[in-house]
């Protein structure tokens, strides 16, 4: 994890565990705590290749579908014109 993105791991450890100096802890402790980071932490997102949290993606998808549902109830929607992008 340190090789992948040292700054992201340091930020996550500081935010989650209030650990600011990783060198002060044994390597096994740092590894254990790093594996316990939540799924939407910076380093976990980078490991999984995610550019944004899953919740953000789901909310965007819900907003898009809601826009289409609202459009379908308009006169244009009933006639199939001016569909939202």
N, C-alpha and C. Protein backbone atom coordinates (compact mmCIF):
# COMPACT_ATOMS: atom_id res chain seq x y z
N UNK A 1 0.82 -1.19 0.00
CA UNK A 1 0.00 0.00 0.00
C UNK A 1 0.87 1.26 0.00
N UNK A 2 1.98 1.20 0.71
CA UNK A 2 2.87 2.36 0.75
C UNK A 2 3.44 2.65 -0.63
N UNK A 3 3.77 1.60 -1.38
CA UNK A 3 4.32 1.80 -2.72
C UNK A 3 3.28 2.37 -3.67
N UNK A 4 2.03 1.98 -3.49
CA UNK A 4 0.96 2.43 -4.38
C UNK A 4 0.69 3.92 -4.20
N UNK A 5 0.45 4.35 -2.96
CA UNK A 5 0.19 5.77 -2.69
C UNK A 5 0.42 6.04 -1.21
N UNK A 6 1.63 6.44 -0.91
CA UNK A 6 2.03 6.70 0.47
C UNK A 6 1.16 7.79 1.12
N UNK A 7 0.92 8.88 0.40
CA UNK A 7 0.16 9.99 0.95
C UNK A 7 -1.29 9.60 1.27
N UNK A 8 -1.90 8.81 0.41
CA UNK A 8 -3.28 8.38 0.65
C UNK A 8 -3.35 7.51 1.90
N UNK A 9 -2.39 6.61 2.07
CA UNK A 9 -2.38 5.76 3.26
C UNK A 9 -2.16 6.58 4.52
N UNK A 10 -1.24 7.53 4.47
CA UNK A 10 -0.99 8.38 5.64
C UNK A 10 -2.24 9.18 5.99
N UNK A 11 -2.90 9.74 4.99
CA UNK A 11 -4.13 10.50 5.24
C UNK A 11 -5.22 9.62 5.85
N UNK A 12 -5.38 8.41 5.31
CA UNK A 12 -6.39 7.49 5.85
C UNK A 12 -6.08 7.07 7.28
N UNK A 13 -4.83 6.80 7.56
CA UNK A 13 -4.46 6.40 8.92
C UNK A 13 -4.66 7.55 9.90
N UNK A 14 -4.35 8.76 9.47
CA UNK A 14 -4.55 9.93 10.33
C UNK A 14 -6.03 10.18 10.56
N UNK A 15 -6.81 10.06 9.51
CA UNK A 15 -8.25 10.32 9.62
C UNK A 15 -8.95 9.25 10.46
N UNK A 16 -8.61 8.00 10.23
CA UNK A 16 -9.32 6.90 10.89
C UNK A 16 -8.80 6.62 12.29
N UNK A 17 -7.49 6.53 12.43
CA UNK A 17 -6.90 6.09 13.70
C UNK A 17 -6.14 7.19 14.45
N UNK A 18 -6.04 8.39 13.87
CA UNK A 18 -5.28 9.49 14.46
C UNK A 18 -3.80 9.11 14.65
N UNK A 19 -3.27 8.38 13.68
CA UNK A 19 -1.86 8.00 13.66
C UNK A 19 -1.19 8.87 12.61
N UNK A 20 -0.23 9.67 13.04
CA UNK A 20 0.42 10.62 12.14
C UNK A 20 1.84 10.19 11.77
N UNK A 21 2.43 9.30 12.55
CA UNK A 21 3.79 8.85 12.29
C UNK A 21 3.78 7.33 12.17
N UNK A 22 3.76 6.83 10.94
CA UNK A 22 3.69 5.39 10.71
C UNK A 22 4.98 4.69 11.13
N UNK A 23 6.09 5.41 11.10
CA UNK A 23 7.37 4.81 11.45
C UNK A 23 7.48 4.52 12.94
N UNK A 24 6.62 5.12 13.75
CA UNK A 24 6.68 4.91 15.19
C UNK A 24 6.05 3.58 15.60
N UNK A 25 5.30 2.96 14.68
CA UNK A 25 4.62 1.70 14.99
C UNK A 25 5.32 0.53 14.31
N UNK A 26 5.16 -0.67 14.86
CA UNK A 26 5.71 -1.85 14.18
C UNK A 26 5.02 -2.07 12.84
N UNK A 27 5.73 -2.63 11.91
CA UNK A 27 5.20 -2.85 10.56
C UNK A 27 3.94 -3.71 10.59
N UNK A 28 3.92 -4.72 11.45
CA UNK A 28 2.75 -5.61 11.50
C UNK A 28 1.51 -4.86 11.99
N UNK A 29 1.69 -3.92 12.89
CA UNK A 29 0.56 -3.12 13.39
C UNK A 29 0.04 -2.20 12.29
N UNK A 30 0.94 -1.57 11.57
CA UNK A 30 0.53 -0.69 10.46
C UNK A 30 -0.21 -1.51 9.41
N UNK A 31 0.29 -2.70 9.09
CA UNK A 31 -0.35 -3.55 8.10
C UNK A 31 -1.74 -3.97 8.56
N UNK A 32 -1.87 -4.33 9.82
CA UNK A 32 -3.17 -4.74 10.37
C UNK A 32 -4.17 -3.60 10.31
N UNK A 33 -3.74 -2.42 10.71
CA UNK A 33 -4.63 -1.26 10.69
C UNK A 33 -4.98 -0.85 9.25
N UNK A 34 -4.04 -0.97 8.35
CA UNK A 34 -4.29 -0.62 6.95
C UNK A 34 -5.33 -1.56 6.34
N UNK A 35 -5.27 -2.83 6.69
CA UNK A 35 -6.26 -3.78 6.17
C UNK A 35 -7.64 -3.54 6.76
N UNK A 36 -7.69 -2.88 7.89
CA UNK A 36 -8.97 -2.59 8.53
C UNK A 36 -9.62 -1.28 8.07
N UNK A 37 -8.99 -0.59 7.14
CA UNK A 37 -9.58 0.65 6.64
C UNK A 37 -10.88 0.36 5.90
N UNK A 38 -11.79 1.29 5.96
CA UNK A 38 -13.09 1.08 5.32
C UNK A 38 -12.96 1.06 3.80
N UNK A 39 -13.99 0.57 3.16
CA UNK A 39 -13.98 0.36 1.71
C UNK A 39 -13.86 1.66 0.92
N UNK A 40 -14.37 2.76 1.47
CA UNK A 40 -14.33 4.03 0.73
C UNK A 40 -13.16 4.92 1.15
N UNK A 41 -12.15 4.34 1.80
CA UNK A 41 -10.96 5.12 2.13
C UNK A 41 -10.16 5.38 0.86
N UNK A 42 -9.31 6.38 0.90
CA UNK A 42 -8.55 6.77 -0.29
C UNK A 42 -7.72 5.62 -0.86
N UNK A 43 -7.02 4.92 0.00
CA UNK A 43 -6.13 3.86 -0.46
C UNK A 43 -6.91 2.66 -0.99
N UNK A 44 -8.02 2.32 -0.36
CA UNK A 44 -8.83 1.20 -0.83
C UNK A 44 -9.46 1.51 -2.18
N UNK A 45 -9.88 2.75 -2.37
CA UNK A 45 -10.42 3.14 -3.67
C UNK A 45 -9.34 3.04 -4.74
N UNK A 46 -8.14 3.43 -4.41
CA UNK A 46 -7.04 3.36 -5.38
C UNK A 46 -6.70 1.91 -5.70
N UNK A 47 -6.68 1.05 -4.70
CA UNK A 47 -6.39 -0.37 -4.92
C UNK A 47 -7.44 -0.99 -5.83
N UNK A 48 -8.71 -0.63 -5.61
CA UNK A 48 -9.81 -1.20 -6.38
C UNK A 48 -10.04 -0.49 -7.71
N UNK A 49 -9.26 0.55 -8.01
CA UNK A 49 -9.38 1.25 -9.28
C UNK A 49 -10.62 2.13 -9.39
N UNK A 50 -11.15 2.56 -8.26
CA UNK A 50 -12.36 3.39 -8.25
C UNK A 50 -11.96 4.85 -8.24
N UNK A 51 -12.62 5.64 -9.08
CA UNK A 51 -12.32 7.06 -9.12
C UNK A 51 -13.19 7.85 -8.16
N UNK A 52 -14.31 7.27 -7.76
CA UNK A 52 -15.19 7.92 -6.79
C UNK A 52 -15.90 6.84 -5.97
N UNK A 53 -16.43 7.22 -4.81
CA UNK A 53 -17.09 6.23 -3.95
C UNK A 53 -18.33 5.63 -4.61
N UNK A 54 -18.65 4.41 -4.21
CA UNK A 54 -19.82 3.71 -4.76
C UNK A 54 -21.09 4.51 -4.50
N UNK A 55 -21.21 5.11 -3.32
CA UNK A 55 -22.41 5.88 -3.00
C UNK A 55 -22.63 7.03 -3.98
N UNK A 56 -21.56 7.69 -4.39
CA UNK A 56 -21.66 8.79 -5.34
C UNK A 56 -22.15 8.29 -6.69
N UNK A 57 -21.63 7.15 -7.13
CA UNK A 57 -22.06 6.57 -8.39
C UNK A 57 -23.53 6.19 -8.34
N UNK A 58 -23.95 5.58 -7.23
CA UNK A 58 -25.36 5.18 -7.09
C UNK A 58 -26.29 6.39 -7.06
N UNK A 59 -25.90 7.44 -6.34
CA UNK A 59 -26.72 8.64 -6.29
C UNK A 59 -26.84 9.30 -7.67
N UNK A 60 -25.77 9.31 -8.44
CA UNK A 60 -25.82 9.87 -9.79
C UNK A 60 -26.75 9.05 -10.67
N UNK A 61 -26.68 7.74 -10.55
CA UNK A 61 -27.55 6.86 -11.33
C UNK A 61 -29.02 7.08 -10.96
N UNK A 62 -29.29 7.21 -9.67
CA UNK A 62 -30.67 7.46 -9.21
C UNK A 62 -31.18 8.79 -9.75
N UNK A 63 -30.34 9.83 -9.72
CA UNK A 63 -30.74 11.14 -10.24
C UNK A 63 -31.04 11.07 -11.73
N UNK A 64 -30.22 10.33 -12.49
CA UNK A 64 -30.47 10.18 -13.93
C UNK A 64 -31.80 9.49 -14.19
N UNK A 65 -32.05 8.41 -13.49
CA UNK A 65 -33.31 7.67 -13.68
C UNK A 65 -34.52 8.50 -13.26
N UNK A 66 -34.38 9.26 -12.20
CA UNK A 66 -35.47 10.12 -11.77
C UNK A 66 -35.78 11.18 -12.81
N UNK A 67 -34.75 11.74 -13.42
CA UNK A 67 -34.95 12.71 -14.48
C UNK A 67 -35.72 12.12 -15.66
N UNK A 68 -35.42 10.88 -16.02
CA UNK A 68 -36.14 10.22 -17.11
C UNK A 68 -37.59 9.96 -16.72
N UNK A 69 -37.82 9.54 -15.47
CA UNK A 69 -39.20 9.30 -15.02
C UNK A 69 -40.03 10.58 -15.06
N UNK A 70 -39.43 11.67 -14.63
CA UNK A 70 -40.14 12.95 -14.66
C UNK A 70 -40.41 13.37 -16.09
N UNK A 71 -39.43 13.20 -16.97
CA UNK A 71 -39.60 13.56 -18.38
C UNK A 71 -40.73 12.74 -19.02
N UNK A 72 -40.84 11.46 -18.65
CA UNK A 72 -41.87 10.60 -19.23
C UNK A 72 -43.28 11.07 -18.90
N UNK A 73 -43.44 11.83 -17.83
CA UNK A 73 -44.76 12.33 -17.45
C UNK A 73 -45.10 13.67 -18.10
N UNK A 74 -44.19 14.21 -18.90
CA UNK A 74 -44.48 15.46 -19.60
C UNK A 74 -45.06 15.16 -20.98
N UNK A 75 -45.58 16.18 -21.63
CA UNK A 75 -46.13 15.99 -22.98
C UNK A 75 -45.04 15.55 -23.95
N UNK A 76 -43.85 16.14 -23.83
CA UNK A 76 -42.73 15.73 -24.69
C UNK A 76 -42.38 14.26 -24.45
N UNK A 77 -42.38 13.85 -23.22
CA UNK A 77 -42.05 12.46 -22.88
C UNK A 77 -43.06 11.48 -23.42
N UNK A 78 -44.31 11.84 -23.39
CA UNK A 78 -45.35 10.96 -23.91
C UNK A 78 -45.25 10.83 -25.43
N UNK A 79 -44.70 11.84 -26.06
CA UNK A 79 -44.53 11.81 -27.52
C UNK A 79 -43.13 11.38 -27.93
N UNK A 80 -42.23 11.20 -26.94
CA UNK A 80 -40.88 10.74 -27.22
C UNK A 80 -39.96 11.82 -27.77
N UNK A 81 -40.21 13.08 -27.43
CA UNK A 81 -39.37 14.18 -27.93
C UNK A 81 -38.58 14.80 -26.78
N UNK A 82 -37.46 15.42 -27.15
CA UNK A 82 -36.62 16.17 -26.20
C UNK A 82 -36.22 15.33 -24.98
N UNK A 83 -35.81 14.10 -25.23
CA UNK A 83 -35.38 13.22 -24.14
C UNK A 83 -34.13 13.80 -23.47
N UNK A 84 -34.07 13.80 -22.13
CA UNK A 84 -32.88 14.31 -21.45
C UNK A 84 -31.67 13.43 -21.72
N UNK A 85 -30.50 14.04 -21.75
CA UNK A 85 -29.26 13.30 -22.02
C UNK A 85 -28.81 12.53 -20.81
